[in-house]
């Protein structure tokens, strides 16, 4: 038996850690992506095909995408299951967040100059609220339609996380048990990097950008981040960021500057990190207390304008003071 195992090892038959660690990468969705996994052959072509399928469905930058077709029209019959899956998760988070995560926010996004053109539309944001609200669309597993003309969808607050999940699913279908997928800082891990050693992800020190404050071991979990404390501003001695509230139509001030969410999958984490930025610090704390399945790392400004960090109890239990992911 020992001889048989040794022969299998040298023949490359054994799965898992007997395979070399592949490091794949490229650009997609306006950012970089990286995959680390163990498999006997390169999986880059397959990962590229997943990224292309996602763009064909939900990109706002492609006129031929399914999302662009829906936004131009009144209804759309799905060409892939991607659109339906993202709609279903979006509705779940819309309801759980009391409407503070809302993919119908695109008219407001464009009005404030955050759309694909990066130019303000000049429209009065208050007048656009009539087209913002998840209740203005209806969908099932085959199609989606608008209940009111002018409604348009923007999945940028959740789609990148779902892309990470899709790549992870592809790897699992190929028999990969241990992997890390990262797209634009959104991460999903399965298994371990090495036997007994989980994947380790760094959390940046807000006072020293480019340096880590701690690391988080991730196994069978995802981690995403929203906000940017480097883009904060000071008003009347207080530190804020700007975030669009889909319920009011206003660009509101928030002292929650950045939030990192850990969840079972990246789409869930991505949707909630967007919602938390709108909720602000106190409502996010209360929400997390009711949802132990989520963990989070919060960066906020205190009354004196100094940056503070805070972690949920579940995250505190696994945080490491090691500052270099390995």
Protein backbone atom coordinates (compact mmCIF):
# COMPACT_ATOMS: atom_id res chain seq x y z
CA UNK A 1 0.00 0.00 0.00
CA UNK A 2 2.81 2.46 0.86
CA UNK A 3 4.50 1.74 -2.46
CA UNK A 4 1.19 2.33 -4.29
CA UNK A 5 0.69 5.73 -2.61
CA UNK A 6 4.22 6.83 -3.43
CA UNK A 7 3.78 5.85 -7.07
CA UNK A 8 0.47 7.74 -7.23
CA UNK A 9 2.06 10.83 -5.72
CA UNK A 10 4.82 10.96 -8.32
CA UNK A 11 2.33 10.24 -11.09
CA UNK A 12 0.27 13.27 -10.06
CA UNK A 13 -2.79 11.15 -9.28
CA UNK A 14 -3.41 12.31 -5.73
CA UNK A 15 -5.73 15.32 -5.45
CA UNK A 16 -5.42 18.35 -3.18
CA UNK A 17 -2.01 19.31 -1.82
CA UNK A 18 -0.14 16.97 -4.19
CA UNK A 19 -0.95 19.49 -6.92
CA UNK A 20 1.11 22.68 -7.36
CA UNK A 21 -0.47 25.98 -6.30
CA UNK A 22 -1.67 27.85 -9.38
CA UNK A 23 -1.71 31.64 -9.26
CA UNK A 24 -3.89 33.04 -12.04
CA UNK A 25 -4.76 36.66 -12.69
CA UNK A 26 -5.93 39.34 -15.06
CA UNK A 27 -8.29 42.29 -15.38
CA UNK A 28 -12.09 42.32 -15.34
CA UNK A 29 -14.89 44.69 -14.32
CA UNK A 30 -12.50 47.63 -14.27
CA UNK A 31 -10.20 46.04 -11.71
CA UNK A 32 -7.79 43.15 -11.17
CA UNK A 33 -8.58 39.55 -10.28
CA UNK A 34 -6.54 36.71 -8.82
CA UNK A 35 -7.21 33.03 -8.23
CA UNK A 36 -5.04 30.70 -6.16
CA UNK A 37 -5.89 27.02 -6.39
CA UNK A 38 -4.48 23.52 -6.76
CA UNK A 39 -5.23 21.69 -10.00
CA UNK A 40 -3.11 19.69 -12.47
CA UNK A 41 -3.94 21.94 -15.45
CA UNK A 42 -4.41 25.69 -15.86
CA UNK A 43 -7.98 26.87 -15.29
CA UNK A 44 -7.47 30.43 -16.56
CA UNK A 45 -9.50 29.94 -19.75
CA UNK A 46 -12.43 28.68 -17.70
CA UNK A 47 -12.20 31.56 -15.24
CA UNK A 48 -12.09 34.01 -18.17
CA UNK A 49 -15.27 32.45 -19.59
CA UNK A 50 -17.06 32.94 -16.25
CA UNK A 51 -16.00 36.59 -16.14
CA UNK A 52 -17.19 37.09 -19.72
CA UNK A 53 -20.58 35.50 -18.95
CA UNK A 54 -21.02 37.88 -16.03
CA UNK A 55 -20.21 40.90 -18.20
CA UNK A 56 -22.60 39.74 -20.92
CA UNK A 57 -25.36 39.64 -18.35
CA UNK A 58 -24.95 42.50 -15.87
CA UNK A 59 -22.44 45.03 -17.21
CA UNK A 60 -23.64 48.63 -17.40
CA UNK A 61 -20.71 49.41 -19.70
CA UNK A 62 -21.83 47.07 -22.51
CA UNK A 63 -24.77 47.99 -24.70
CA UNK A 64 -25.26 44.31 -25.54
CA UNK A 65 -25.57 43.12 -21.92
CA UNK A 66 -28.85 41.78 -20.56
CA UNK A 67 -28.95 44.55 -17.98
CA UNK A 68 -28.51 47.28 -20.59
CA UNK A 69 -31.29 45.70 -22.68
CA UNK A 70 -33.65 45.73 -19.70
CA UNK A 71 -32.77 49.30 -18.75
CA UNK A 72 -33.59 50.45 -22.30
CA UNK A 73 -36.86 48.58 -22.50
CA UNK A 74 -39.83 47.55 -20.39
CA UNK A 75 -39.21 43.83 -19.89
CA UNK A 76 -36.54 41.23 -20.50
CA UNK A 77 -36.49 37.43 -20.82
CA UNK A 78 -33.38 36.04 -19.15
CA UNK A 79 -30.72 34.45 -21.34
CA UNK A 80 -28.84 33.08 -18.33
CA UNK A 81 -29.71 32.33 -14.68
CA UNK A 82 -27.34 35.07 -13.48
CA UNK A 83 -29.87 37.91 -13.73
CA UNK A 84 -32.51 36.00 -11.73
CA UNK A 85 -30.08 34.92 -8.98
CA UNK A 86 -28.84 38.47 -8.45
CA UNK A 87 -32.39 39.86 -8.44
CA UNK A 88 -33.45 37.29 -5.85
CA UNK A 89 -30.55 38.09 -3.49
CA UNK A 90 -31.05 41.83 -4.08
CA UNK A 91 -34.69 41.58 -3.01
CA UNK A 92 -33.69 39.66 0.12
CA UNK A 93 -31.19 42.31 1.17
CA UNK A 94 -33.56 45.13 0.14
CA UNK A 95 -36.15 43.76 2.57
CA UNK A 96 -33.69 42.97 5.37
CA UNK A 97 -32.13 46.44 5.13
CA UNK A 98 -35.50 48.24 5.06
CA UNK A 99 -34.85 49.46 1.52
CA UNK A 100 -31.39 50.91 2.14
CA UNK A 101 -29.93 48.49 -0.39
CA UNK A 102 -31.84 49.05 -3.62
CA UNK A 103 -30.62 48.16 -7.14
CA UNK A 104 -33.18 50.53 -8.72
CA UNK A 105 -30.93 53.40 -7.59
CA UNK A 106 -29.36 53.95 -11.06
CA UNK A 107 -31.23 57.22 -11.87
CA UNK A 108 -29.80 58.72 -8.67
CA UNK A 109 -26.33 57.29 -9.30
CA UNK A 110 -26.26 58.99 -12.69
CA UNK A 111 -27.71 62.25 -11.36
CA UNK A 112 -24.81 62.55 -8.92
CA UNK A 113 -22.23 61.72 -11.58
CA UNK A 114 -21.34 58.19 -10.48
CA UNK A 115 -22.71 56.41 -13.55
CA UNK A 116 -20.82 54.93 -16.49
CA UNK A 117 -20.33 58.38 -18.09
CA UNK A 118 -19.03 59.90 -14.82
CA UNK A 119 -21.03 63.04 -15.65
CA UNK A 120 -23.89 64.55 -13.69
CA UNK A 121 -27.17 64.33 -15.62
CA UNK A 122 -28.38 67.65 -14.24
CA UNK A 123 -31.65 66.07 -13.12
CA UNK A 124 -33.10 67.01 -9.75
CA UNK A 125 -32.50 63.96 -7.50
CA UNK A 126 -35.80 64.58 -5.69
CA UNK A 127 -37.72 64.27 -8.97
CA UNK A 128 -36.01 60.93 -9.67
CA UNK A 129 -37.30 59.23 -6.53
CA UNK A 130 -40.50 58.30 -8.41
CA UNK A 131 -38.45 55.67 -10.28
CA UNK A 132 -36.52 54.31 -7.30
CA UNK A 133 -37.98 51.38 -5.40
CA UNK A 134 -37.68 47.61 -5.72
CA UNK A 135 -41.46 47.36 -5.73
CA UNK A 136 -41.49 48.94 -9.20
CA UNK A 137 -40.23 45.73 -10.81
CA UNK A 138 -41.71 42.23 -11.02
CA UNK A 139 -39.78 39.09 -11.87
CA UNK A 140 -39.79 35.31 -11.83
CA UNK A 141 -37.23 32.68 -12.84
CA UNK A 142 -37.68 33.44 -16.55
CA UNK A 143 -38.04 37.22 -16.91
CA UNK A 144 -38.22 40.68 -15.33
CA UNK A 145 -40.47 43.63 -16.16
CA UNK A 146 -40.98 47.21 -15.06
CA UNK A 147 -44.19 48.34 -13.42
CA UNK A 148 -43.27 51.94 -14.19
CA UNK A 149 -41.31 53.40 -17.10
CA UNK A 150 -38.10 55.10 -16.06
CA UNK A 151 -37.08 52.40 -13.58
CA UNK A 152 -33.53 51.16 -14.20
CA UNK A 153 -31.29 48.72 -12.40
CA UNK A 154 -27.69 48.97 -11.18
CA UNK A 155 -26.13 45.88 -9.57
CA UNK A 156 -22.72 47.42 -8.89
CA UNK A 157 -23.35 47.10 -5.15
CA UNK A 158 -23.61 43.31 -5.33
CA UNK A 159 -22.48 41.98 -8.73
CA UNK A 160 -18.76 41.82 -8.04
CA UNK A 161 -19.37 39.62 -5.02
CA UNK A 162 -21.56 37.33 -7.13
CA UNK A 163 -18.81 37.15 -9.76
CA UNK A 164 -16.45 35.90 -7.06
CA UNK A 165 -19.01 33.24 -6.13
CA UNK A 166 -19.43 32.16 -9.76
CA UNK A 167 -15.69 31.70 -10.17
CA UNK A 168 -15.65 29.71 -6.93
CA UNK A 169 -18.48 27.49 -8.18
CA UNK A 170 -16.59 26.89 -11.42
CA UNK A 171 -13.50 25.80 -9.49
CA UNK A 172 -15.57 23.45 -7.33
CA UNK A 173 -17.11 21.86 -10.44
CA UNK A 174 -13.56 21.20 -11.62
CA UNK A 175 -12.88 19.34 -8.38
CA UNK A 176 -10.87 22.10 -6.68
CA UNK A 177 -11.27 21.80 -2.91
CA UNK A 178 -8.81 24.50 -1.82
CA UNK A 179 -8.88 27.93 -3.44
CA UNK A 180 -8.90 31.70 -2.99
CA UNK A 181 -10.74 33.98 -5.43
CA UNK A 182 -10.25 37.76 -5.29
CA UNK A 183 -11.77 40.37 -7.60
CA UNK A 184 -11.20 44.01 -6.74
CA UNK A 185 -10.71 43.15 -3.06
CA UNK A 186 -13.82 40.93 -2.82
CA UNK A 187 -12.70 37.49 -1.62
CA UNK A 188 -14.02 33.94 -1.31
CA UNK A 189 -12.02 31.07 0.19
CA UNK A 190 -12.62 27.34 0.39
CA UNK A 191 -10.52 24.73 2.14
CA UNK A 192 -6.98 25.61 3.18
CA UNK A 193 -3.84 27.03 1.63
CA UNK A 194 -1.78 24.20 3.12
CA UNK A 195 -2.66 21.32 5.46
CA UNK A 196 -3.66 22.87 8.78
CA UNK A 197 -3.07 26.41 7.48
CA UNK A 198 -6.07 28.51 6.37
CA UNK A 199 -6.02 31.28 3.81
CA UNK A 200 -4.99 34.51 5.56
CA UNK A 201 -6.36 37.91 4.50
CA UNK A 202 -4.95 41.25 5.64
CA UNK A 203 -7.05 44.11 7.05
CA UNK A 204 -5.56 47.50 6.22
CA UNK A 205 -4.58 49.93 8.97
CA UNK A 206 -6.66 53.09 8.37
CA UNK A 207 -4.00 55.28 9.96
CA UNK A 208 -1.26 53.80 7.78
CA UNK A 209 -2.60 52.96 4.30
CA UNK A 210 -0.73 50.15 2.64
CA UNK A 211 0.02 48.47 5.98
CA UNK A 212 -2.09 45.83 7.67
CA UNK A 213 -3.46 46.13 11.17
CA UNK A 214 -4.35 42.44 11.48
CA UNK A 215 -5.10 39.35 9.44
CA UNK A 216 -8.19 37.16 9.22
CA UNK A 217 -8.06 33.41 8.58
CA UNK A 218 -10.75 32.53 6.04
CA UNK A 219 -12.06 29.02 5.45
CA UNK A 220 -15.28 28.36 3.55
CA UNK A 221 -16.25 32.01 3.88
CA UNK A 222 -16.21 35.28 1.93
CA UNK A 223 -15.06 38.81 2.77
CA UNK A 224 -15.90 42.07 0.98
CA UNK A 225 -15.38 45.78 1.67
CA UNK A 226 -17.33 48.96 0.88
CA UNK A 227 -16.40 52.59 1.45
CA UNK A 228 -13.12 54.38 1.31
CA UNK A 229 -11.79 56.17 4.37
CA UNK A 230 -9.09 57.73 2.17
CA UNK A 231 -11.83 59.77 0.45
CA UNK A 232 -13.22 61.18 3.69
CA UNK A 233 -13.75 64.89 4.24
CA UNK A 234 -14.11 67.20 7.25
CA UNK A 235 -17.09 69.48 7.89
CA UNK A 236 -17.52 71.48 11.09
CA UNK A 237 -14.83 69.40 12.74
CA UNK A 238 -16.51 66.07 11.87
CA UNK A 239 -15.21 63.45 9.43
CA UNK A 240 -17.65 62.05 6.85
CA UNK A 241 -18.03 60.21 3.57
CA UNK A 242 -20.83 60.73 1.08
CA UNK A 243 -23.28 57.93 0.26
CA UNK A 244 -26.54 57.90 -1.75
CA UNK A 245 -29.61 57.01 0.30
CA UNK A 246 -32.12 55.40 -2.12
CA UNK A 247 -35.05 56.14 0.22
CA UNK A 248 -34.46 59.89 0.40
CA UNK A 249 -32.68 60.40 -2.92
CA UNK A 250 -30.07 62.46 -1.09
CA UNK A 251 -26.30 62.24 -0.93
CA UNK A 252 -26.00 61.88 2.83
CA UNK A 253 -23.17 62.23 5.28
CA UNK A 254 -22.00 59.15 7.15
CA UNK A 255 -19.42 58.75 9.88
CA UNK A 256 -19.08 55.08 8.90
CA UNK A 257 -16.15 55.37 6.54
CA UNK A 258 -15.58 51.75 5.60
CA UNK A 259 -17.05 48.34 6.38
CA UNK A 260 -15.67 44.87 5.75
CA UNK A 261 -18.23 42.05 5.91
CA UNK A 262 -17.68 38.31 6.35
CA UNK A 263 -20.47 36.00 5.19
CA UNK A 264 -20.95 32.47 3.86
CA UNK A 265 -20.81 33.77 0.26
CA UNK A 266 -19.45 36.88 -1.44
CA UNK A 267 -22.75 38.08 -2.93
CA UNK A 268 -24.31 38.27 0.53
CA UNK A 269 -21.27 40.06 1.97
CA UNK A 270 -21.14 42.49 -0.96
CA UNK A 271 -24.81 43.42 -0.74
CA UNK A 272 -24.67 44.00 3.00
CA UNK A 273 -21.48 46.06 2.92
CA UNK A 274 -23.32 48.41 0.53
CA UNK A 275 -26.37 48.55 2.81
CA UNK A 276 -24.26 49.20 5.92
CA UNK A 277 -22.62 52.24 4.34
CA UNK A 278 -26.10 53.77 3.97
CA UNK A 279 -27.21 52.68 7.46
CA UNK A 280 -24.32 54.39 9.21
CA UNK A 281 -22.55 53.26 12.36
CA UNK A 282 -25.32 52.88 14.94
CA UNK A 283 -27.84 51.13 12.70
CA UNK A 284 -25.12 48.82 11.40
CA UNK A 285 -24.17 47.86 14.95
CA UNK A 286 -27.80 47.08 15.76
CA UNK A 287 -28.27 45.09 12.56
CA UNK A 288 -25.15 42.99 13.16
CA UNK A 289 -26.30 42.23 16.70
CA UNK A 290 -29.42 40.62 15.19
CA UNK A 291 -27.50 38.72 12.50
CA UNK A 292 -24.81 36.48 14.00
CA UNK A 293 -24.26 34.84 10.61
CA UNK A 294 -22.49 38.05 9.57
CA UNK A 295 -19.24 39.45 10.95
CA UNK A 296 -17.84 42.88 10.23
CA UNK A 297 -14.90 45.23 10.67
CA UNK A 298 -16.00 48.87 10.91
CA UNK A 299 -13.90 51.99 10.34
CA UNK A 300 -15.52 55.21 11.60
CA UNK A 301 -14.72 58.68 12.87
CA UNK A 302 -15.30 59.52 16.52
CA UNK A 303 -16.49 62.88 17.85
CA UNK A 304 -12.99 64.34 17.60
CA UNK A 305 -12.53 63.24 13.98
CA UNK A 306 -10.06 60.47 14.78
CA UNK A 307 -10.38 57.15 12.97
CA UNK A 308 -11.56 54.23 15.05
CA UNK A 309 -12.02 50.55 14.27
CA UNK A 310 -14.44 48.01 15.68
CA UNK A 311 -15.01 44.29 15.10
CA UNK A 312 -17.93 42.01 15.86
CA UNK A 313 -17.34 39.38 18.52
CA UNK A 314 -17.18 36.61 15.94
CA UNK A 315 -14.44 38.42 14.04
CA UNK A 316 -12.52 39.28 17.22
CA UNK A 317 -12.35 35.57 18.02
CA UNK A 318 -10.39 34.79 14.85
CA UNK A 319 -8.40 37.98 14.25
CA UNK A 320 -4.65 37.56 14.31
CA UNK A 321 -2.16 40.27 15.21
CA UNK A 322 0.05 38.98 12.41
CA UNK A 323 0.23 41.77 9.84
CA UNK A 324 1.53 39.79 6.87
CA UNK A 325 -0.89 37.40 5.14
CA UNK A 326 0.83 34.10 4.41
